[in-house]
Amino acid sequence: MRLVAISASELRPDHTYLSNLDEFKRRIASIGLGDVEILPTLLRLDLSFIGYCVLGGRWSSALERGIQSILFTEDEAEYRDFCRKHGYDEGDKDA
């Protein structure tokens, strides 16, 4: 089993964020997933954790668009488009 490192950046139910990846590792270990491989993700400022991300480029942008086209409808691929469609304030990071 594997988890992507960006999962550690998700907003928690108490509207807080984990401050480091060690917290994430402890959290997943507490539910019996301590041996899960953590996969690095594309570097995103304020989301990624050093040591668990990779720099992107032209190849990664095309790959990311391809993945998004499978996972999301065309009008939701970008965060701003998702917010617009669902009536969220794009600037409200706690929404």
Protein backbone atom coordinates (compact mmCIF):
# COMPACT_ATOMS: atom_id res chain seq x y z
CA MET A 1 0.00 0.00 0.00
CA ARG A 2 1.12 3.55 -0.70
CA LEU A 3 0.08 7.07 0.24
CA VAL A 4 1.04 10.26 -1.53
CA ALA A 5 2.94 12.72 0.62
CA ILE A 6 0.58 15.55 -0.30
CA SER A 7 -2.06 13.77 1.83
CA ALA A 8 -0.25 15.15 4.86
CA SER A 9 -1.19 18.68 3.73
CA GLU A 10 -4.93 18.17 3.80
CA LEU A 11 -7.11 20.24 6.09
CA ARG A 12 -8.01 18.23 9.17
CA PRO A 13 -11.55 18.07 10.62
CA ASP A 14 -10.53 20.54 13.35
CA HIS A 15 -9.55 23.06 10.62
CA THR A 16 -5.82 22.77 11.30
CA TYR A 17 -2.93 21.42 9.26
CA LEU A 18 -0.12 19.11 10.26
CA SER A 19 3.10 21.07 10.68
CA ASN A 20 5.49 18.37 9.47
CA LEU A 21 5.62 14.95 7.88
CA ASP A 22 6.64 13.24 11.13
CA GLU A 23 3.19 14.11 12.53
CA PHE A 24 1.66 12.47 9.47
CA LYS A 25 3.79 9.36 9.92
CA ARG A 26 2.75 9.09 13.57
CA ARG A 27 -0.88 9.55 12.61
CA ILE A 28 -0.88 6.84 9.95
CA ALA A 29 1.12 4.52 12.25
CA SER A 30 -1.56 4.96 14.93
CA ILE A 31 -4.13 3.44 12.57
CA GLY A 32 -1.92 0.53 11.63
CA LEU A 33 -0.39 1.96 8.46
CA GLY A 34 3.14 2.57 9.76
CA ASP A 35 4.73 0.44 7.04
CA VAL A 36 2.98 2.23 4.17
CA GLU A 37 5.29 3.69 1.53
CA ILE A 38 4.97 7.46 1.25
CA LEU A 39 5.29 8.56 -2.36
CA PRO A 40 6.77 11.94 -3.23
CA THR A 41 4.55 14.37 -5.11
CA LEU A 42 5.19 17.35 -7.36
CA LEU A 43 6.54 20.33 -5.45
CA ARG A 44 3.81 22.76 -4.41
CA LEU A 45 4.76 25.73 -2.26
CA ASP A 46 2.99 25.69 1.11
CA LEU A 47 1.79 22.10 0.48
CA SER A 48 4.81 19.89 -0.09
CA PHE A 49 7.28 18.56 2.43
CA ILE A 50 11.01 18.75 1.73
CA GLY A 51 12.34 15.28 1.05
CA TYR A 52 8.95 14.05 -0.13
CA CYS A 53 8.53 16.06 -3.31
CA VAL A 54 10.07 16.30 -6.75
CA LEU A 55 10.59 19.28 -9.02
CA GLY A 56 8.35 19.34 -12.04
CA GLY A 57 8.83 20.51 -15.58
CA ARG A 58 7.20 20.25 -18.98
CA TRP A 59 6.84 16.48 -18.65
CA SER A 60 5.13 16.76 -15.27
CA SER A 61 2.72 19.50 -16.38
CA ALA A 62 1.47 17.35 -19.24
CA LEU A 63 1.20 14.31 -16.98
CA GLU A 64 -0.65 16.29 -14.31
CA ARG A 65 -3.15 17.63 -16.87
CA GLY A 66 -3.72 14.07 -18.11
CA ILE A 67 -4.38 12.80 -14.59
CA GLN A 68 -6.69 15.74 -13.85
CA SER A 69 -8.67 15.10 -17.01
CA ILE A 70 -9.39 11.58 -15.75
CA LEU A 71 -10.21 12.59 -12.17
CA PHE A 72 -12.06 15.86 -12.71
CA THR A 73 -14.42 17.36 -15.22
CA GLU A 74 -12.98 19.99 -17.55
CA ASP A 75 -14.52 22.83 -15.60
CA GLU A 76 -12.96 21.71 -12.29
CA ALA A 77 -9.34 20.99 -13.26
CA GLU A 78 -8.05 24.24 -11.78
CA TYR A 79 -8.74 25.19 -8.14
CA ARG A 80 -10.23 28.54 -9.13
CA ASP A 81 -12.63 26.79 -11.53
CA PHE A 82 -13.68 24.31 -8.84
CA CYS A 83 -14.35 27.16 -6.41
CA ARG A 84 -16.34 29.09 -9.00
CA LYS A 85 -18.47 26.07 -9.88
CA HIS A 86 -19.26 25.21 -6.26
CA GLY A 87 -19.57 28.76 -4.91
CA TYR A 88 -16.43 28.71 -2.72
CA ASP A 89 -14.23 31.71 -2.03
CA GLU A 90 -10.94 30.92 -3.75
CA GLY A 91 -9.04 32.95 -1.14
CA ASP A 92 -10.54 31.11 1.84
CA LYS A 93 -8.05 28.31 2.47
CA ASP A 94 -10.15 26.93 5.36
CA ALA A 95 -13.31 26.44 3.29
